[in-house]
C-alpha atoms as a PDB file:
ATOM      1  CA  UNK A   1      26.296 -18.444   9.478  1.00  0.00           C
ATOM      2  CA  UNK A   2      24.692 -21.796   8.981  1.00  0.00           C
ATOM      3  CA  UNK A   3      25.298 -24.264   6.217  1.00  0.00           C
ATOM      4  CA  UNK A   4      22.688 -26.488   4.701  1.00  0.00           C
ATOM      5  CA  UNK A   5      24.118 -29.984   4.528  1.00  0.00           C
ATOM      6  CA  UNK A   6      22.950 -31.679   1.332  1.00  0.00           C
ATOM      7  CA  UNK A   7      21.240 -35.037   1.444  1.00  0.00           C
ATOM      8  CA  UNK A   8      22.139 -37.863  -0.914  1.00  0.00           C
ATOM      9  CA  UNK A   9      19.361 -37.018  -3.379  1.00  0.00           C
ATOM     10  CA  UNK A  10      20.600 -33.410  -3.618  1.00  0.00           C
ATOM     11  CA  UNK A  11      24.068 -34.221  -4.971  1.00  0.00           C
ATOM     12  CA  UNK A  12      25.388 -35.465  -8.312  1.00  0.00           C
ATOM     13  CA  UNK A  13      25.195 -39.170  -9.169  1.00  0.00           C
ATOM     14  CA  UNK A  14      28.985 -39.448  -8.749  1.00  0.00           C
ATOM     15  CA  UNK A  15      28.766 -37.923  -5.267  1.00  0.00           C
ATOM     16  CA  UNK A  16      25.826 -40.196  -4.443  1.00  0.00           C
ATOM     17  CA  UNK A  17      28.173 -43.124  -5.071  1.00  0.00           C
ATOM     18  CA  UNK A  18      30.751 -41.541  -2.751  1.00  0.00           C
ATOM     19  CA  UNK A  19      28.016 -41.070  -0.120  1.00  0.00           C
ATOM     20  CA  UNK A  20      27.138 -44.773  -0.451  1.00  0.00           C
ATOM     21  CA  UNK A  21      30.795 -45.767   0.000  1.00  0.00           C
ATOM     22  CA  UNK A  22      31.187 -43.499   3.038  1.00  0.00           C
ATOM     23  CA  UNK A  23      28.015 -44.937   4.521  1.00  0.00           C
ATOM     24  CA  UNK A  24      29.404 -48.463   4.089  1.00  0.00           C
ATOM     25  CA  UNK A  25      32.841 -47.558   5.480  1.00  0.00           C
ATOM     26  CA  UNK A  26      31.878 -45.224   8.332  1.00  0.00           C
ATOM     27  CA  UNK A  27      28.210 -45.931   8.909  1.00  0.00           C
ATOM     28  CA  UNK A  28      27.354 -42.306   8.059  1.00  0.00           C
ATOM     29  CA  UNK A  29      28.403 -39.395   5.855  1.00  0.00           C
ATOM     30  CA  UNK A  30      30.193 -36.717   7.890  1.00  0.00           C
ATOM     31  CA  UNK A  31      28.606 -33.287   7.442  1.00  0.00           C
ATOM     32  CA  UNK A  32      31.876 -31.780   6.247  1.00  0.00           C
ATOM     33  CA  UNK A  33      32.124 -34.371   3.484  1.00  0.00           C
ATOM     34  CA  UNK A  34      28.489 -33.898   2.521  1.00  0.00           C
ATOM     35  CA  UNK A  35      29.029 -30.152   2.256  1.00  0.00           C
ATOM     36  CA  UNK A  36      31.968 -30.713  -0.099  1.00  0.00           C
ATOM     37  CA  UNK A  37      29.487 -32.566  -2.315  1.00  0.00           C
ATOM     38  CA  UNK A  38      27.917 -29.281  -3.426  1.00  0.00           C
ATOM     39  CA  UNK A  39      30.839 -29.349  -5.866  1.00  0.00           C
ATOM     40  CA  UNK A  40      31.054 -32.101  -8.447  1.00  0.00           C
ATOM     41  CA  UNK A  41      34.792 -32.427  -7.761  1.00  0.00           C
ATOM     42  CA  UNK A  42      35.640 -31.205  -4.257  1.00  0.00           C
ATOM     43  CA  UNK A  43      34.518 -34.290  -2.330  1.00  0.00           C
ATOM     44  CA  UNK A  44      36.461 -36.778  -4.463  1.00  0.00           C
ATOM     45  CA  UNK A  45      39.506 -34.490  -4.554  1.00  0.00           C
ATOM     46  CA  UNK A  46      39.442 -34.049  -0.765  1.00  0.00           C
ATOM     47  CA  UNK A  47      39.090 -37.786  -0.127  1.00  0.00           C
ATOM     48  CA  UNK A  48      41.902 -38.560  -2.561  1.00  0.00           C
ATOM     49  CA  UNK A  49      44.119 -36.054  -0.754  1.00  0.00           C
ATOM     50  CA  UNK A  50      43.127 -37.250   2.716  1.00  0.00           C
ATOM     51  CA  UNK A  51      43.776 -40.868   1.759  1.00  0.00           C
ATOM     52  CA  UNK A  52      47.013 -40.249  -0.144  1.00  0.00           C
ATOM     53  CA  UNK A  53      50.085 -42.302   0.681  1.00  0.00           C
ATOM     54  CA  UNK A  54      51.924 -41.051   3.736  1.00  0.00           C
ATOM     55  CA  UNK A  55      54.681 -42.205   6.033  1.00  0.00           C
ATOM     56  CA  UNK A  56      52.233 -42.031   8.949  1.00  0.00           C
ATOM     57  CA  UNK A  57      50.324 -45.063  10.133  1.00  0.00           C
ATOM     58  CA  UNK A  58      46.518 -44.777  10.284  1.00  0.00           C
ATOM     59  CA  UNK A  59      46.521 -44.305  14.075  1.00  0.00           C
ATOM     60  CA  UNK A  60      49.195 -41.608  13.792  1.00  0.00           C
ATOM     61  CA  UNK A  61      47.081 -39.751  11.235  1.00  0.00           C
ATOM     62  CA  UNK A  62      44.160 -39.854  13.665  1.00  0.00           C
ATOM     63  CA  UNK A  63      46.355 -38.414  16.425  1.00  0.00           C
ATOM     64  CA  UNK A  64      47.180 -35.509  14.097  1.00  0.00           C
ATOM     65  CA  UNK A  65      43.479 -35.120  13.245  1.00  0.00           C
ATOM     66  CA  UNK A  66      42.616 -35.105  16.950  1.00  0.00           C
ATOM     67  CA  UNK A  67      45.259 -32.486  17.729  1.00  0.00           C
ATOM     68  CA  UNK A  68      44.034 -30.237  14.922  1.00  0.00           C
ATOM     69  CA  UNK A  69      40.437 -30.715  16.043  1.00  0.00           C
ATOM     70  CA  UNK A  70      41.426 -29.724  19.580  1.00  0.00           C
ATOM     71  CA  UNK A  71      43.280 -26.608  18.400  1.00  0.00           C
ATOM     72  CA  UNK A  72      40.271 -25.666  16.252  1.00  0.00           C
ATOM     73  CA  UNK A  73      37.938 -26.354  19.185  1.00  0.00           C
ATOM     74  CA  UNK A  74      35.724 -28.473  16.917  1.00  0.00           C
ATOM     75  CA  UNK A  75      33.608 -30.750  19.104  1.00  0.00           C
ATOM     76  CA  UNK A  76      32.129 -32.482  16.055  1.00  0.00           C
ATOM     77  CA  UNK A  77      35.596 -33.288  14.684  1.00  0.00           C
ATOM     78  CA  UNK A  78      36.884 -34.384  18.085  1.00  0.00           C
ATOM     79  CA  UNK A  79      34.003 -36.825  18.453  1.00  0.00           C
ATOM     80  CA  UNK A  80      34.427 -38.196  14.934  1.00  0.00           C
ATOM     81  CA  UNK A  81      38.185 -38.645  15.137  1.00  0.00           C
ATOM     82  CA  UNK A  82      37.943 -40.161  18.612  1.00  0.00           C
ATOM     83  CA  UNK A  83      35.486 -42.748  17.271  1.00  0.00           C
ATOM     84  CA  UNK A  84      37.623 -43.474  14.207  1.00  0.00           C
ATOM     85  CA  UNK A  85      40.845 -43.613  16.235  1.00  0.00           C
END
């Protein structure tokens, strides 16, 4: 199966704002995040969850993300989390 990744002009105004913020923070909108934007709520809810307070430091969270990406054999995720880490 393939997924069509929505562009900024194909999502709700609220998600367009999130896209703009991601673009400023990361320099791009990851495809996974963009796909969440098909829903009016999923993208914001995911980002709130992913950025929730934790006892892990930012680098430690990226190590976990890298390990999960490796287990899932996701080259896209590995590249993204390597760059962020």
